[in-house]
Every structure is written in C-alpha cells, then in structure tokens.
Amino acid sequence: MFLEVDAEDAALVRERYPNATIIGEVLEGDALVDACRDAEVVSCFIYTQFSREVLNRLPKLTLLCTRSVGYNHIDLRACSERGITVCNVPDYGSHVIAEHVFALLLSTLRHISEADDRVELGEFSYHGLRGMALKGKTIGIVGTGKIGSVAVRIAHGFGMRILATDPHPNLDLAQMYGVQYVDKAALFAHSDIVTLHVPALPDTHHMLDADVFASMKHGVVIINTARGELIDSDALLDALKGGKVAYALLDVLEHERNFEENRELIGHPNAITTPHIAFYADDSTRNMYEDCFRSIAQWQRGEDIGNVVAALQEK
C-alpha cells in the first residue's frame, strides 16, 4: 500500500510493485483504516497520521515506511508494542533542502519577486529595492546534521560568519569552514539570520518562543524548512509585527494544513511561505522512493533493514 503518491510518481511505484495499491490523497481515521486493513506493508508520507488508535485497527501491518526524514506523524511506541517495524529515508536529498534555504533567503533579501512585478508593470527602476548582502553576515544554524552541514558549506561560500549549535558538534565542519559552535542562547543573540535544521521532538517543540525572539537581534531573519512545530506561530507573528523579526521565510507551518489558523501569519507582508516544497526536486524525489523500495526489499528477503528508525530501537 502506497499512500500520498503524486500522480507523476505513480508510474515509478507501479514499475517496481505492479500489484501495489496506490492512493494519492491523504486519508484519515476510518478511511485510512479501511484502505490499509489488509496491508502488511504501508508506505506513507508526512501528512498521514498513524496514531495508536489507527495502528491498533491494522492487525496485519508489519512494516511501515515513511518517505521522509521525520516520523513524528507515527506513534513509535505503539508500533514497538505491536512489533511493527518503522523505517524512514534519512537522506534522500539534504542538498535540495539546504538549497531551498538560500533560494528563500536570496529571493527575499534581494527583492526578486517585487522587482519582477515592477518590471512587468513597465517600471524599470531600482529605487526602493535595496537588498541585503550575505557576505559578512552572521548565520546561526540550529542543527548540523545532514541538511545543516550542507547549509554550512553554502553559507561559507557566501563568505558568512557561521555560528552553530548541536548536541554533537561536527569538528570537521568547524575546522574546514570556520564554524563556531555555541549554545543556543548565544546563537540566537548574535545571529543576523537563523535557520532551523532539527526534528520535531518534545524538547524542540516551540524552541523559538516569545522569550527567544526577545533575545534576538532586532531585524533578524528566521528560516524554517524543518518542521512547523519548532516555532510558536503566535510569538512569531508578534515578532514580525513589532519588527524584531524582519522576515520569516517558512516552508513549513505549525498545523500547516489548517489554513484558517495560519491565515494572519501567511498574510503578513514579511512572511514568505512555500507549501513544504524544500524536499521536492527531481533527484530527491526519486531517491526518496528508491530508499523506500530498498527497505521493503530488505524486509521481503528477511534481511536487516538499514533505515529502521533509531528512536524505535530505543523504546
């Protein structure tokens, strides 16, 4: 069973598993249970919620593969109790997400969209479109795993000063790219730009809240291509309104499918939002499916699965 499969990717799945059931939309509750009731293997994406209640109603489910790095949409404890193996795709394209960080940053700070609109309206003038250079600015990178490490390399190429925070500092990054590892408080206090690259966990929930925003530089730029739950949306909106945050560049939102809840934040002129597309590029999408296929094949052959979620093994 393959869930949340875009129409353009269905052929890729069908080529590998011609007898698989492929569903494009996001299913919830009874509809999800009815669709997956007889499935031993389910491949999903991030919007399908496998809660304890749902899992308890899927007696045949043995392998659950999420085509994502994050897995906070799956109740791992319930899976562990049921003996359901959960695997993810740890790195299907960290470079494309890091690239999206700088696509958001450059297009915003250099007013690309406004400039294009102006020219299309027949006004070929640069006045009022003065941008901000990246060279010499301090970027704070929260999390230097696979994606954060690529962001470090790109930032170094722009000649930026790089601060980072991570429970496990990468000494090679520090040596090769001049990364200065500091605690979160120092990073938030001294960064001109803050970009988030950590998973959604209980201890990262609302890691950017009103107190943290108050500690930042006036006019800081916030980038989030990780998970919406990392930021207290109300606090971010207040910080935008007060000018503490100059721009919020968001590929993810808290409860991002609830448009009404996020309407005011999305509508703020200095909040630039994209619909969770940082991952969505040609090679990364193919890698995402291929890694998922590899885990299923390992399961079918009775082999150890390389991408079993580590947190599941700790439950």
Protein backbone atom coordinates (compact mmCIF):
# COMPACT_ATOMS: atom_id res chain seq x y z
CA MET A 1 0.00 0.00 0.00
CA PHE A 2 1.48 3.34 -1.09
CA LEU A 3 -0.20 6.46 0.29
CA GLU A 4 0.21 10.14 -0.65
CA VAL A 5 1.67 9.34 -4.06
CA ASP A 6 1.64 12.24 -6.51
CA ALA A 7 0.22 11.39 -9.92
CA GLU A 8 3.59 11.95 -11.61
CA ASP A 9 5.23 9.41 -9.26
CA ALA A 10 2.66 6.62 -9.59
CA ALA A 11 4.46 5.09 -12.59
CA LEU A 12 7.67 4.84 -10.55
CA VAL A 13 5.85 2.86 -7.87
CA ARG A 14 3.94 0.75 -10.40
CA GLU A 15 7.15 -0.17 -12.22
CA ARG A 16 8.62 -1.62 -9.03
CA TYR A 17 5.44 -3.00 -7.43
CA PRO A 18 2.86 -3.62 -10.17
CA ASN A 19 0.34 -5.12 -7.75
CA ALA A 20 0.58 -2.41 -5.12
CA THR A 21 -2.41 -0.27 -4.18
CA ILE A 22 -1.57 3.38 -4.84
CA ILE A 23 -3.55 6.22 -3.28
CA GLY A 24 -2.84 9.86 -3.91
CA GLU A 25 -4.81 11.67 -1.26
CA VAL A 26 -4.26 11.92 2.49
CA LEU A 27 -6.51 9.52 4.39
CA GLU A 28 -7.69 9.89 7.96
CA GLY A 29 -9.50 7.83 10.58
CA ASP A 30 -11.90 5.19 9.25
CA ALA A 31 -10.92 5.85 5.63
CA LEU A 32 -7.27 5.16 6.45
CA VAL A 33 -8.12 2.00 8.37
CA ASP A 34 -10.40 0.71 5.62
CA ALA A 35 -7.75 1.27 2.96
CA CYS A 36 -4.92 -0.37 4.92
CA ARG A 37 -6.81 -3.09 6.77
CA ASP A 38 -5.27 -5.97 4.78
CA ALA A 39 -1.87 -4.41 4.14
CA GLU A 40 1.31 -5.92 5.54
CA VAL A 41 3.46 -3.08 4.19
CA VAL A 42 2.43 0.57 4.04
CA SER A 43 4.50 3.40 2.58
CA CYS A 44 3.32 6.87 3.57
CA PHE A 45 4.41 10.48 3.62
CA ILE A 46 4.21 13.10 6.37
CA TYR A 47 0.52 14.00 6.36
CA THR A 48 -0.92 10.56 7.09
CA GLN A 49 -1.23 10.22 10.86
CA PHE A 50 -0.58 6.73 12.18
CA SER A 51 -1.86 7.16 15.72
CA ARG A 52 -2.17 4.39 18.29
CA GLU A 53 -5.87 4.18 17.53
CA VAL A 54 -5.26 3.68 13.82
CA LEU A 55 -2.40 1.22 14.33
CA ASN A 56 -4.46 -0.93 16.70
CA ARG A 57 -7.01 -1.39 13.92
CA LEU A 58 -4.45 -2.65 11.39
CA PRO A 59 -3.75 -6.21 12.56
CA LYS A 60 -1.73 -7.28 9.51
CA LEU A 61 0.60 -4.30 9.38
CA THR A 62 4.23 -5.41 9.76
CA LEU A 63 6.30 -2.74 8.02
CA LEU A 64 5.59 0.99 7.93
CA CYS A 65 7.88 3.04 5.66
CA THR A 66 7.64 6.80 5.72
CA ARG A 67 9.17 8.51 2.72
CA SER A 68 10.58 11.28 4.88
CA VAL A 69 13.35 12.04 7.33
CA GLY A 70 10.90 12.95 10.11
CA TYR A 71 8.50 10.47 11.67
CA ASN A 72 6.52 12.50 14.19
CA HIS A 73 3.33 11.50 12.34
CA ILE A 74 3.82 7.91 13.56
CA ASP A 75 3.26 6.67 17.12
CA LEU A 76 6.55 4.82 17.55
CA ARG A 77 5.70 3.43 20.98
CA ALA A 78 2.52 1.85 19.65
CA CYS A 79 4.49 0.39 16.74
CA SER A 80 7.07 -1.04 19.11
CA GLU A 81 4.38 -2.65 21.26
CA ARG A 82 2.77 -4.15 18.17
CA GLY A 83 6.05 -5.36 16.65
CA ILE A 84 5.67 -3.08 13.62
CA THR A 85 8.97 -2.11 12.03
CA VAL A 86 9.20 1.55 11.09
CA CYS A 87 11.75 2.89 8.65
CA ASN A 88 12.38 6.31 7.20
CA VAL A 89 14.55 7.86 4.49
CA PRO A 90 17.39 9.52 6.41
CA ASP A 91 18.91 11.41 3.49
CA TYR A 92 17.07 11.45 0.20
CA GLY A 93 18.32 14.92 -0.71
CA SER A 94 19.74 17.07 2.06
CA HIS A 95 21.29 19.32 -0.58
CA VAL A 96 17.94 20.31 -2.09
CA ILE A 97 16.55 21.40 1.28
CA ALA A 98 19.66 23.43 2.04
CA GLU A 99 19.43 24.93 -1.45
CA HIS A 100 15.85 25.97 -0.73
CA VAL A 101 17.02 27.78 2.39
CA PHE A 102 19.19 30.02 0.25
CA ALA A 103 16.60 30.28 -2.51
CA LEU A 104 14.22 31.75 0.08
CA LEU A 105 16.95 33.92 1.55
CA LEU A 106 18.29 35.37 -1.70
CA SER A 107 14.93 35.91 -3.36
CA THR A 108 13.68 37.76 -0.28
CA LEU A 109 16.71 39.83 0.62
CA ARG A 110 17.25 40.88 -2.99
CA HIS A 111 13.52 41.56 -3.58
CA ILE A 112 13.35 39.32 -6.63
CA SER A 113 9.57 38.91 -6.69
CA GLU A 114 8.89 42.64 -6.19
CA ALA A 115 11.46 43.54 -8.83
CA ASP A 116 9.91 41.17 -11.35
CA ASP A 117 6.44 42.58 -10.68
CA ARG A 118 7.75 46.11 -11.12
CA VAL A 119 9.35 45.39 -14.48
CA GLU A 120 6.27 43.56 -15.73
CA LEU A 121 4.26 46.69 -14.89
CA GLY A 122 6.61 48.75 -17.07
CA GLU A 123 8.68 50.39 -14.33
CA PHE A 124 12.38 49.67 -14.87
CA SER A 125 13.68 51.30 -11.70
CA TYR A 126 15.74 50.02 -8.80
CA HIS A 127 14.67 52.68 -6.28
CA GLY A 128 13.21 51.20 -3.13
CA LEU A 129 14.63 47.73 -3.84
CA ARG A 130 17.93 48.00 -1.99
CA GLY A 131 18.88 44.50 -0.87
CA MET A 132 20.95 42.96 1.86
CA ALA A 133 24.25 41.20 1.12
CA LEU A 134 25.05 37.86 2.74
CA LYS A 135 28.82 38.31 2.87
CA GLY A 136 29.94 39.20 6.37
CA LYS A 137 26.55 38.49 7.96
CA THR A 138 26.27 36.03 10.82
CA ILE A 139 24.13 32.99 10.17
CA GLY A 140 23.07 30.76 13.06
CA ILE A 141 22.49 27.15 12.03
CA VAL A 142 20.48 25.15 14.55
CA GLY A 143 21.40 21.54 13.93
CA THR A 144 24.37 20.45 11.82
CA GLY A 145 23.21 17.04 10.68
CA LYS A 146 22.98 16.19 7.00
CA ILE A 147 20.94 19.24 5.95
CA GLY A 148 22.59 21.67 8.36
CA SER A 149 26.03 20.56 7.18
CA VAL A 150 25.15 21.41 3.57
CA ALA A 151 23.80 24.77 4.73
CA VAL A 152 27.17 25.37 6.40
CA ARG A 153 29.04 24.74 3.16
CA ILE A 154 26.77 27.04 1.18
CA ALA A 155 27.00 29.79 3.80
CA HIS A 156 30.78 29.51 3.77
CA GLY A 157 30.72 30.01 0.02
CA PHE A 158 28.91 33.32 0.54
CA GLY A 159 31.55 34.47 2.98
CA MET A 160 29.27 34.43 6.02
CA ARG A 161 30.26 34.10 9.65
CA ILE A 162 28.80 30.79 10.82
CA LEU A 163 27.53 30.02 14.30
CA ALA A 164 26.05 26.61 15.02
CA THR A 165 24.52 24.68 17.87
CA ASP A 166 24.19 20.92 18.06
CA PRO A 167 24.39 18.33 20.86
CA HIS A 168 27.08 16.60 18.81
CA PRO A 169 29.35 19.24 17.22
CA ASN A 170 30.91 18.30 13.90
CA LEU A 171 34.58 19.05 14.37
CA ASP A 172 35.31 18.60 10.67
CA LEU A 173 32.85 21.38 9.84
CA ALA A 174 34.44 23.58 12.46
CA GLN A 175 37.91 23.01 11.02
CA MET A 176 37.06 23.19 7.32
CA TYR A 177 34.50 26.01 7.32
CA GLY A 178 35.27 28.01 10.45
CA VAL A 179 32.05 27.07 12.19
CA GLN A 180 31.89 28.35 15.75
CA TYR A 181 29.81 26.06 17.96
CA VAL A 182 27.97 27.92 20.71
CA ASP A 183 24.97 27.29 22.93
CA LYS A 184 21.50 28.16 21.69
CA ALA A 185 21.29 31.36 23.72
CA ALA A 186 24.49 32.74 22.19
CA LEU A 187 23.43 31.72 18.69
CA PHE A 188 20.06 33.44 18.99
CA ALA A 189 21.62 36.56 20.49
CA HIS A 190 24.31 37.08 17.87
CA SER A 191 22.85 35.85 14.56
CA ASP A 192 21.55 38.07 11.78
CA ILE A 193 19.90 35.03 10.21
CA VAL A 194 18.68 31.88 12.00
CA THR A 195 17.88 28.68 10.10
CA LEU A 196 16.41 25.58 11.75
CA HIS A 197 17.50 22.03 10.92
CA VAL A 198 16.32 19.84 13.80
CA PRO A 199 13.49 17.28 14.06
CA ALA A 200 10.18 17.85 15.81
CA LEU A 201 10.63 16.29 19.24
CA PRO A 202 9.21 17.13 22.66
CA ASP A 203 12.35 19.09 23.56
CA THR A 204 12.35 21.07 20.28
CA HIS A 205 8.64 21.96 20.37
CA HIS A 206 8.34 25.78 20.21
CA MET A 207 12.09 26.17 20.59
CA LEU A 208 11.51 29.64 19.16
CA ASP A 209 9.03 31.27 21.51
CA ALA A 210 8.37 34.82 22.71
CA ASP A 211 11.32 34.78 25.12
CA VAL A 212 13.72 33.56 22.45
CA PHE A 213 12.53 36.13 19.93
CA ALA A 214 13.03 38.84 22.57
CA SER A 215 16.67 37.75 22.96
CA MET A 216 17.45 38.07 19.24
CA LYS A 217 18.85 40.98 17.28
CA HIS A 218 16.31 43.50 16.03
CA GLY A 219 15.61 42.73 12.38
CA VAL A 220 16.67 39.08 12.49
CA VAL A 221 15.69 36.80 9.60
CA ILE A 222 14.12 33.44 10.54
CA ILE A 223 14.14 30.46 8.17
CA ASN A 224 12.31 27.20 8.82
CA THR A 225 12.43 24.33 6.34
CA ALA A 226 12.30 21.65 9.05
CA ARG A 227 9.03 21.31 10.97
CA GLY A 228 6.43 23.94 11.80
CA GLU A 229 6.16 22.84 15.41
CA LEU A 230 9.62 24.25 16.12
CA ILE A 231 8.19 27.78 16.19
CA ASP A 232 5.42 29.28 18.32
CA SER A 233 3.39 30.79 15.49
CA ASP A 234 1.69 33.44 17.65
CA ALA A 235 5.03 34.57 19.04
CA LEU A 236 6.49 34.74 15.53
CA LEU A 237 3.58 36.84 14.31
CA ASP A 238 4.02 39.25 17.22
CA ALA A 239 7.76 39.47 16.49
CA LEU A 240 7.03 40.28 12.84
CA LYS A 241 4.52 42.94 13.77
CA GLY A 242 6.98 44.56 16.17
CA GLY A 243 9.90 44.44 13.75
CA LYS A 244 12.03 42.17 15.90
CA VAL A 245 11.85 39.66 13.03
CA ALA A 246 12.43 41.38 9.68
CA TYR A 247 11.45 38.36 7.61
CA ALA A 248 10.11 34.90 8.35
CA LEU A 249 10.92 32.52 5.50
CA LEU A 250 8.79 29.44 6.05
CA ASP A 251 8.49 26.25 4.05
CA VAL A 252 6.63 24.63 6.95
CA LEU A 253 3.95 25.80 9.35
CA GLU A 254 2.53 24.57 12.60
CA HIS A 255 -0.66 22.67 11.70
CA GLU A 256 0.15 23.64 8.14
CA ARG A 257 -3.00 22.18 6.60
CA ASN A 258 -5.13 24.45 8.77
CA PHE A 259 -5.12 27.49 6.53
CA GLU A 260 -7.51 29.49 8.70
CA GLU A 261 -5.29 29.07 11.74
CA ASN A 262 -2.29 30.32 9.79
CA ARG A 263 -4.03 32.96 7.68
CA GLU A 264 -2.71 36.01 9.53
CA LEU A 265 0.87 34.73 9.59
CA ILE A 266 0.77 33.74 5.92
CA GLY A 267 -0.73 37.09 5.03
CA HIS A 268 1.91 39.18 6.79
CA PRO A 269 3.91 41.02 4.10
CA ASN A 270 7.23 39.95 5.61
CA ALA A 271 6.32 36.29 5.97
CA ILE A 272 7.32 34.39 2.84
CA THR A 273 5.74 30.94 2.72
CA THR A 274 6.15 27.99 0.37
CA PRO A 275 3.99 24.85 0.66
CA HIS A 276 6.53 22.37 2.07
CA ILE A 277 8.45 22.12 -1.21
CA ALA A 278 12.05 22.25 0.02
CA PHE A 279 12.37 18.49 -0.48
CA TYR A 280 10.53 18.48 -3.79
CA ALA A 281 13.08 18.26 -6.58
CA ASP A 282 13.71 15.74 -9.34
CA ASP A 283 16.58 13.69 -7.95
CA SER A 284 15.50 13.93 -4.31
CA THR A 285 12.01 12.62 -5.04
CA ARG A 286 13.39 9.63 -6.92
CA ASN A 287 15.87 8.95 -4.12
CA MET A 288 13.03 9.09 -1.60
CA TYR A 289 11.14 6.32 -3.38
CA GLU A 290 14.24 4.25 -4.15
CA ASP A 291 15.30 4.23 -0.49
CA CYS A 292 11.79 3.19 0.50
CA PHE A 293 11.84 0.40 -2.11
CA ARG A 294 15.19 -0.77 -0.74
CA SER A 295 13.79 -1.08 2.79
CA ILE A 296 10.79 -3.06 1.53
CA ALA A 297 13.05 -5.39 -0.47
CA GLN A 298 15.24 -5.99 2.59
CA TRP A 299 12.13 -6.86 4.59
CA GLN A 300 10.89 -9.21 1.87
CA ARG A 301 14.23 -11.05 1.85
CA GLY A 302 14.31 -11.29 5.63
CA GLU A 303 17.41 -9.10 5.87
CA ASP A 304 18.21 -6.42 8.41
CA ILE A 305 16.65 -3.13 7.28
CA GLY A 306 19.23 -0.38 7.11
CA ASN A 307 16.86 2.52 7.69
CA VAL A 308 14.98 1.37 10.77
CA VAL A 309 14.13 4.43 12.84
CA ALA A 310 16.70 4.63 15.64
CA ALA A 311 14.16 6.02 18.11
CA LEU A 312 12.10 2.86 17.65
CA GLN A 313 15.02 0.74 18.75
CA GLU A 314 15.30 2.82 21.94
CA LYS A 315 11.65 2.39 23.02
